[in-house]
């Protein structure tokens, strides 16, 4: 399953993907209009901050609270370099923790890995 997932990630990340082309054209248009750039940055800041705060409020509740916080940071990271660096740091940490957890789980099961239907 990981090969299929990686292929889907690569396809979504490709520069030729229709959504990426649309976003590049939109971003180029915003860059040509200084007032729109200010408005765009403000809207991204408000949206990203709102999503992150909602995620923080949801952390003690059952559900994807931390995932929503990380989504808010990722939204902020599209426009603000500091938030982008924080998102990359979180991504590295989460990748390391995930790899550690999987290896620990495999050792506990005696080296045999079982794949569930949801993976």
C-alpha atoms as a PDB file:
ATOM      1  CA  UNK A   1       0.000   0.000   0.000  1.00  0.00           C
ATOM      2  CA  UNK A   2       2.843   2.419   0.629  1.00  0.00           C
ATOM      3  CA  UNK A   3       3.859   2.339  -3.050  1.00  0.00           C
ATOM      4  CA  UNK A   4       0.348   3.374  -4.087  1.00  0.00           C
ATOM      5  CA  UNK A   5       0.287   6.137  -1.483  1.00  0.00           C
ATOM      6  CA  UNK A   6       3.679   7.438  -2.600  1.00  0.00           C
ATOM      7  CA  UNK A   7       2.501   7.450  -6.224  1.00  0.00           C
ATOM      8  CA  UNK A   8      -0.595   9.450  -5.232  1.00  0.00           C
ATOM      9  CA  UNK A   9       1.534  11.917  -3.263  1.00  0.00           C
ATOM     10  CA  UNK A  10       3.906  12.325  -6.211  1.00  0.00           C
ATOM     11  CA  UNK A  11       0.979  12.866  -8.584  1.00  0.00           C
ATOM     12  CA  UNK A  12      -0.571  15.510  -6.295  1.00  0.00           C
ATOM     13  CA  UNK A  13       2.795  17.221  -5.838  1.00  0.00           C
ATOM     14  CA  UNK A  14       3.635  17.403  -9.533  1.00  0.00           C
ATOM     15  CA  UNK A  15       3.839  20.874 -11.037  1.00  0.00           C
ATOM     16  CA  UNK A  16       1.522  19.825 -13.868  1.00  0.00           C
ATOM     17  CA  UNK A  17      -1.389  18.989 -11.576  1.00  0.00           C
ATOM     18  CA  UNK A  18      -4.434  21.137 -12.510  1.00  0.00           C
ATOM     19  CA  UNK A  19      -4.901  22.483  -8.979  1.00  0.00           C
ATOM     20  CA  UNK A  20      -1.237  23.514  -8.766  1.00  0.00           C
ATOM     21  CA  UNK A  21      -1.465  25.246 -12.165  1.00  0.00           C
ATOM     22  CA  UNK A  22      -4.557  27.146 -11.002  1.00  0.00           C
ATOM     23  CA  UNK A  23      -2.854  28.171  -7.762  1.00  0.00           C
ATOM     24  CA  UNK A  24       0.259  29.353  -9.660  1.00  0.00           C
ATOM     25  CA  UNK A  25      -1.857  31.490 -12.011  1.00  0.00           C
ATOM     26  CA  UNK A  26      -3.835  32.909  -9.084  1.00  0.00           C
ATOM     27  CA  UNK A  27      -0.676  33.676  -7.167  1.00  0.00           C
ATOM     28  CA  UNK A  28       0.860  35.415 -10.218  1.00  0.00           C
ATOM     29  CA  UNK A  29      -2.255  37.566 -10.527  1.00  0.00           C
ATOM     30  CA  UNK A  30      -2.085  38.516  -6.831  1.00  0.00           C
ATOM     31  CA  UNK A  31       1.607  39.412  -7.204  1.00  0.00           C
ATOM     32  CA  UNK A  32       0.744  41.844 -10.027  1.00  0.00           C
ATOM     33  CA  UNK A  33      -1.686  43.781  -7.815  1.00  0.00           C
ATOM     34  CA  UNK A  34      -0.034  45.182  -4.639  1.00  0.00           C
ATOM     35  CA  UNK A  35      -3.313  45.930  -2.873  1.00  0.00           C
ATOM     36  CA  UNK A  36      -4.566  42.436  -3.552  1.00  0.00           C
ATOM     37  CA  UNK A  37      -1.311  41.046  -2.157  1.00  0.00           C
ATOM     38  CA  UNK A  38      -1.911  42.866   1.120  1.00  0.00           C
ATOM     39  CA  UNK A  39      -5.505  41.603   1.240  1.00  0.00           C
ATOM     40  CA  UNK A  40      -4.391  38.062   0.314  1.00  0.00           C
ATOM     41  CA  UNK A  41      -1.748  37.966   3.075  1.00  0.00           C
ATOM     42  CA  UNK A  42      -4.277  39.271   5.585  1.00  0.00           C
ATOM     43  CA  UNK A  43      -6.860  36.661   4.598  1.00  0.00           C
ATOM     44  CA  UNK A  44      -4.296  33.847   4.741  1.00  0.00           C
ATOM     45  CA  UNK A  45      -3.202  35.047   8.187  1.00  0.00           C
ATOM     46  CA  UNK A  46      -6.747  35.224   9.508  1.00  0.00           C
ATOM     47  CA  UNK A  47      -7.754  31.876   7.997  1.00  0.00           C
ATOM     48  CA  UNK A  48      -4.635  30.034   9.176  1.00  0.00           C
ATOM     49  CA  UNK A  49      -4.829  31.507  12.670  1.00  0.00           C
ATOM     50  CA  UNK A  50      -8.531  30.689  12.946  1.00  0.00           C
ATOM     51  CA  UNK A  51      -7.981  27.078  11.889  1.00  0.00           C
ATOM     52  CA  UNK A  52      -5.059  26.699  14.335  1.00  0.00           C
ATOM     53  CA  UNK A  53      -7.053  28.184  17.242  1.00  0.00           C
ATOM     54  CA  UNK A  54     -10.051  25.965  16.482  1.00  0.00           C
ATOM     55  CA  UNK A  55      -7.670  22.997  16.448  1.00  0.00           C
ATOM     56  CA  UNK A  56      -6.257  24.006  19.828  1.00  0.00           C
ATOM     57  CA  UNK A  57      -9.777  24.238  21.228  1.00  0.00           C
ATOM     58  CA  UNK A  58     -10.484  20.733  19.897  1.00  0.00           C
ATOM     59  CA  UNK A  59      -7.327  19.144  21.343  1.00  0.00           C
ATOM     60  CA  UNK A  60      -8.911  18.016  24.647  1.00  0.00           C
ATOM     61  CA  UNK A  61     -11.924  16.592  22.795  1.00  0.00           C
ATOM     62  CA  UNK A  62     -11.930  13.287  20.934  1.00  0.00           C
ATOM     63  CA  UNK A  63     -11.096  13.839  17.309  1.00  0.00           C
ATOM     64  CA  UNK A  64      -8.415  15.335  15.109  1.00  0.00           C
ATOM     65  CA  UNK A  65      -7.522  18.410  17.199  1.00  0.00           C
ATOM     66  CA  UNK A  66      -3.768  18.302  16.585  1.00  0.00           C
ATOM     67  CA  UNK A  67      -4.285  17.526  12.919  1.00  0.00           C
ATOM     68  CA  UNK A  68      -6.359  20.701  12.608  1.00  0.00           C
ATOM     69  CA  UNK A  69      -3.660  22.698  14.414  1.00  0.00           C
ATOM     70  CA  UNK A  70      -1.050  21.395  11.946  1.00  0.00           C
ATOM     71  CA  UNK A  71      -3.366  22.256   9.054  1.00  0.00           C
ATOM     72  CA  UNK A  72      -3.623  25.831  10.362  1.00  0.00           C
ATOM     73  CA  UNK A  73       0.163  26.072  10.575  1.00  0.00           C
ATOM     74  CA  UNK A  74       0.441  24.700   7.040  1.00  0.00           C
ATOM     75  CA  UNK A  75      -2.005  27.347   5.795  1.00  0.00           C
ATOM     76  CA  UNK A  76       0.057  30.047   7.479  1.00  0.00           C
ATOM     77  CA  UNK A  77       3.190  28.480   6.005  1.00  0.00           C
ATOM     78  CA  UNK A  78       1.995  29.160   2.470  1.00  0.00           C
ATOM     79  CA  UNK A  79       2.572  32.875   3.029  1.00  0.00           C
ATOM     80  CA  UNK A  80       4.753  33.371   6.107  1.00  0.00           C
ATOM     81  CA  UNK A  81       8.322  31.952   6.204  1.00  0.00           C
ATOM     82  CA  UNK A  82       8.386  31.440   9.977  1.00  0.00           C
ATOM     83  CA  UNK A  83       5.234  29.339   9.880  1.00  0.00           C
ATOM     84  CA  UNK A  84       6.657  27.395   6.919  1.00  0.00           C
ATOM     85  CA  UNK A  85       9.811  26.571   8.907  1.00  0.00           C
ATOM     86  CA  UNK A  86       7.656  25.503  11.872  1.00  0.00           C
ATOM     87  CA  UNK A  87       5.569  23.270   9.589  1.00  0.00           C
ATOM     88  CA  UNK A  88       8.699  21.644   8.131  1.00  0.00           C
ATOM     89  CA  UNK A  89      10.092  21.056  11.640  1.00  0.00           C
ATOM     90  CA  UNK A  90       6.809  19.463  12.733  1.00  0.00           C
ATOM     91  CA  UNK A  91       6.768  17.305   9.603  1.00  0.00           C
ATOM     92  CA  UNK A  92      10.299  16.019  10.319  1.00  0.00           C
ATOM     93  CA  UNK A  93       9.444  15.299  13.948  1.00  0.00           C
ATOM     94  CA  UNK A  94       6.207  13.498  13.058  1.00  0.00           C
ATOM     95  CA  UNK A  95       7.947  11.439  10.368  1.00  0.00           C
ATOM     96  CA  UNK A  96      10.628  10.376  12.852  1.00  0.00           C
ATOM     97  CA  UNK A  97       8.065   9.509  15.529  1.00  0.00           C
ATOM     98  CA  UNK A  98       5.953   7.559  13.010  1.00  0.00           C
ATOM     99  CA  UNK A  99       8.985   5.529  11.861  1.00  0.00           C
ATOM    100  CA  UNK A 100       9.934   4.833  15.492  1.00  0.00           C
ATOM    101  CA  UNK A 101       6.377   3.746  16.305  1.00  0.00           C
ATOM    102  CA  UNK A 102       6.184   1.408  13.307  1.00  0.00           C
ATOM    103  CA  UNK A 103       9.526  -0.230  14.097  1.00  0.00           C
ATOM    104  CA  UNK A 104       8.493  -0.628  17.738  1.00  0.00           C
ATOM    105  CA  UNK A 105       5.215  -2.212  16.682  1.00  0.00           C
ATOM    106  CA  UNK A 106       6.990  -4.598  14.307  1.00  0.00           C
ATOM    107  CA  UNK A 107       9.460  -5.651  17.017  1.00  0.00           C
ATOM    108  CA  UNK A 108       6.598  -6.250  19.447  1.00  0.00           C
ATOM    109  CA  UNK A 109       4.802  -8.465  16.940  1.00  0.00           C
ATOM    110  CA  UNK A 110       7.920 -10.539  16.299  1.00  0.00           C
ATOM    111  CA  UNK A 111       8.825  -8.989  12.970  1.00  0.00           C
ATOM    112  CA  UNK A 112       5.635  -9.932  11.186  1.00  0.00           C
ATOM    113  CA  UNK A 113       3.714  -6.957   9.939  1.00  0.00           C
ATOM    114  CA  UNK A 114      -0.035  -7.156   9.552  1.00  0.00           C
ATOM    115  CA  UNK A 115      -1.741  -4.699   7.250  1.00  0.00           C
ATOM    116  CA  UNK A 116      -5.238  -3.666   8.187  1.00  0.00           C
ATOM    117  CA  UNK A 117      -7.916  -2.977   5.609  1.00  0.00           C
ATOM    118  CA  UNK A 118      -7.831   0.768   6.397  1.00  0.00           C
ATOM    119  CA  UNK A 119      -4.122   1.221   5.590  1.00  0.00           C
END
